[in-house]
Amino acid sequence: MGHSLGGEPKSNKNCSHGDPIPRLPPPWPIPFIGSYKHFGKELYINNPDQDPDAFQECVAEDPNCSESVPFGQLDLKYHSGPYYGVNMRDATREPNVNSIEDSNE
């Protein structure tokens, strides 16, 4: 696979154990669409509750990374992370203006 400028597209996919979103679309054929193959690298956080900074680098669809979690164990509660110590739910909160001003002094 390539693009009009030549070469391969580069992609990194961050995956947290149990997050179903990076596994979409599924690898099996979808009517009128066909099948999809993920590409690029995957940075897989296997145990986000114990060590959210530790990740394993693999190729997409590596059976030892996010593909190792059975579909029955995937859950949207894992979608917000933590990713590298940051819970993505926190990204929707209003910033604390006082702490930003204090850090600029």
Protein backbone atom coordinates (compact mmCIF):
# COMPACT_ATOMS: atom_id res chain seq x y z
CA MET A 1 0.00 0.00 0.00
CA GLY A 2 1.27 3.48 -0.77
CA HIS A 3 0.08 6.91 -1.75
CA SER A 4 0.50 9.22 -4.74
CA LEU A 5 3.78 10.65 -3.39
CA GLY A 6 5.25 7.18 -2.95
CA GLY A 7 6.21 5.32 0.19
CA GLU A 8 4.12 3.94 2.99
CA PRO A 9 1.81 6.03 5.18
CA LYS A 10 3.04 6.28 8.77
CA SER A 11 0.63 5.69 11.61
CA ASN A 12 0.86 5.05 15.34
CA LYS A 13 -2.18 3.73 17.15
CA ASN A 14 -2.28 4.04 20.95
CA CYS A 15 -4.26 1.23 22.55
CA SER A 16 -5.15 0.61 26.16
CA HIS A 17 -5.99 -2.95 27.28
CA GLY A 18 -9.71 -3.62 26.77
CA ASP A 19 -10.48 -0.48 24.70
CA PRO A 20 -12.76 -1.51 21.82
CA ILE A 21 -12.42 1.66 19.70
CA PRO A 22 -8.91 0.99 18.28
CA ARG A 23 -10.16 -2.43 17.17
CA LEU A 24 -12.79 -0.91 14.87
CA PRO A 25 -13.63 -1.62 12.17
CA PRO A 26 -13.45 -5.36 12.78
CA PRO A 27 -11.29 -7.56 10.53
CA TRP A 28 -14.19 -9.64 9.19
CA PRO A 29 -15.99 -8.61 5.99
CA ILE A 30 -18.75 -5.99 6.31
CA PRO A 31 -21.53 -6.07 3.68
CA PHE A 32 -21.04 -3.47 0.91
CA ILE A 33 -17.73 -2.36 2.46
CA GLY A 34 -15.48 -5.41 2.54
CA SER A 35 -12.81 -6.10 5.12
CA TYR A 36 -10.41 -3.64 6.74
CA LYS A 37 -6.79 -4.17 7.72
CA HIS A 38 -5.18 -1.94 10.32
CA PHE A 39 -1.73 -0.66 9.41
CA GLY A 40 1.19 1.08 11.08
CA LYS A 41 2.53 0.67 14.59
CA GLU A 42 0.56 0.02 17.73
CA LEU A 43 1.68 1.31 21.12
CA TYR A 44 -0.11 -1.08 23.47
CA ILE A 45 -0.57 -0.36 27.17
CA ASN A 46 -1.21 -3.81 28.59
CA ASN A 47 -1.88 -2.88 32.23
CA PRO A 48 -3.02 0.77 32.42
CA ASP A 49 -4.19 0.52 36.05
CA GLN A 50 -0.80 -0.67 37.33
CA ASP A 51 1.64 1.05 34.96
CA PRO A 52 0.00 3.43 32.44
CA ASP A 53 3.41 4.58 31.16
CA ALA A 54 4.63 1.12 30.13
CA PHE A 55 3.79 0.17 26.57
CA GLN A 56 4.75 -2.47 24.06
CA GLU A 57 5.47 -1.46 20.46
CA CYS A 58 4.05 -3.83 17.86
CA VAL A 59 2.80 -3.89 14.31
CA ALA A 60 -0.92 -3.42 13.74
CA GLU A 61 -3.04 -6.51 14.37
CA ASP A 62 -0.23 -8.23 16.29
CA PRO A 63 -1.89 -11.12 18.18
CA ASN A 64 0.26 -10.33 21.26
CA CYS A 65 -1.02 -6.76 21.69
CA SER A 66 -4.57 -5.36 21.63
CA GLU A 67 -5.68 -8.25 19.41
CA SER A 68 -4.91 -10.58 22.36
CA VAL A 69 -7.99 -9.32 24.24
CA PRO A 70 -11.10 -11.34 23.28
CA PHE A 71 -14.02 -9.28 21.93
CA GLY A 72 -16.12 -10.36 24.93
CA GLN A 73 -13.69 -8.59 27.29
CA LEU A 74 -13.67 -5.26 25.43
CA ASP A 75 -15.56 -2.46 27.20
CA LEU A 76 -16.03 1.26 26.54
CA LYS A 77 -15.03 2.01 30.14
CA TYR A 78 -11.42 1.41 29.02
CA HIS A 79 -11.61 3.94 26.17
CA SER A 80 -10.68 6.94 28.32
CA GLY A 81 -7.45 5.35 29.49
CA PRO A 82 -5.38 6.10 31.35
CA TYR A 83 -2.96 6.66 28.48
CA TYR A 84 0.56 7.43 29.75
CA GLY A 85 -0.91 8.53 33.10
CA VAL A 86 -3.60 10.78 31.59
CA ASN A 87 -7.26 9.89 31.86
CA MET A 88 -8.94 11.20 28.71
CA ARG A 89 -12.09 12.07 30.69
CA ASP A 90 -10.03 14.85 32.27
CA ALA A 91 -9.54 16.44 28.84
CA THR A 92 -13.18 17.61 28.82
CA ARG A 93 -12.89 19.57 32.06
CA GLU A 94 -12.52 23.32 32.15
CA PRO A 95 -8.94 24.40 32.89
CA ASN A 96 -8.20 25.83 36.30
CA VAL A 97 -7.38 29.42 35.33
CA ASN A 98 -5.78 30.18 38.70
CA SER A 99 -3.28 27.34 38.41
CA ILE A 100 -2.35 28.46 34.87
CA GLU A 101 -1.79 32.04 36.04
CA ASP A 102 0.22 30.82 39.05
CA SER A 103 2.52 28.75 36.82
CA ASN A 104 3.30 31.81 34.67
CA GLU A 105 4.62 33.84 37.60
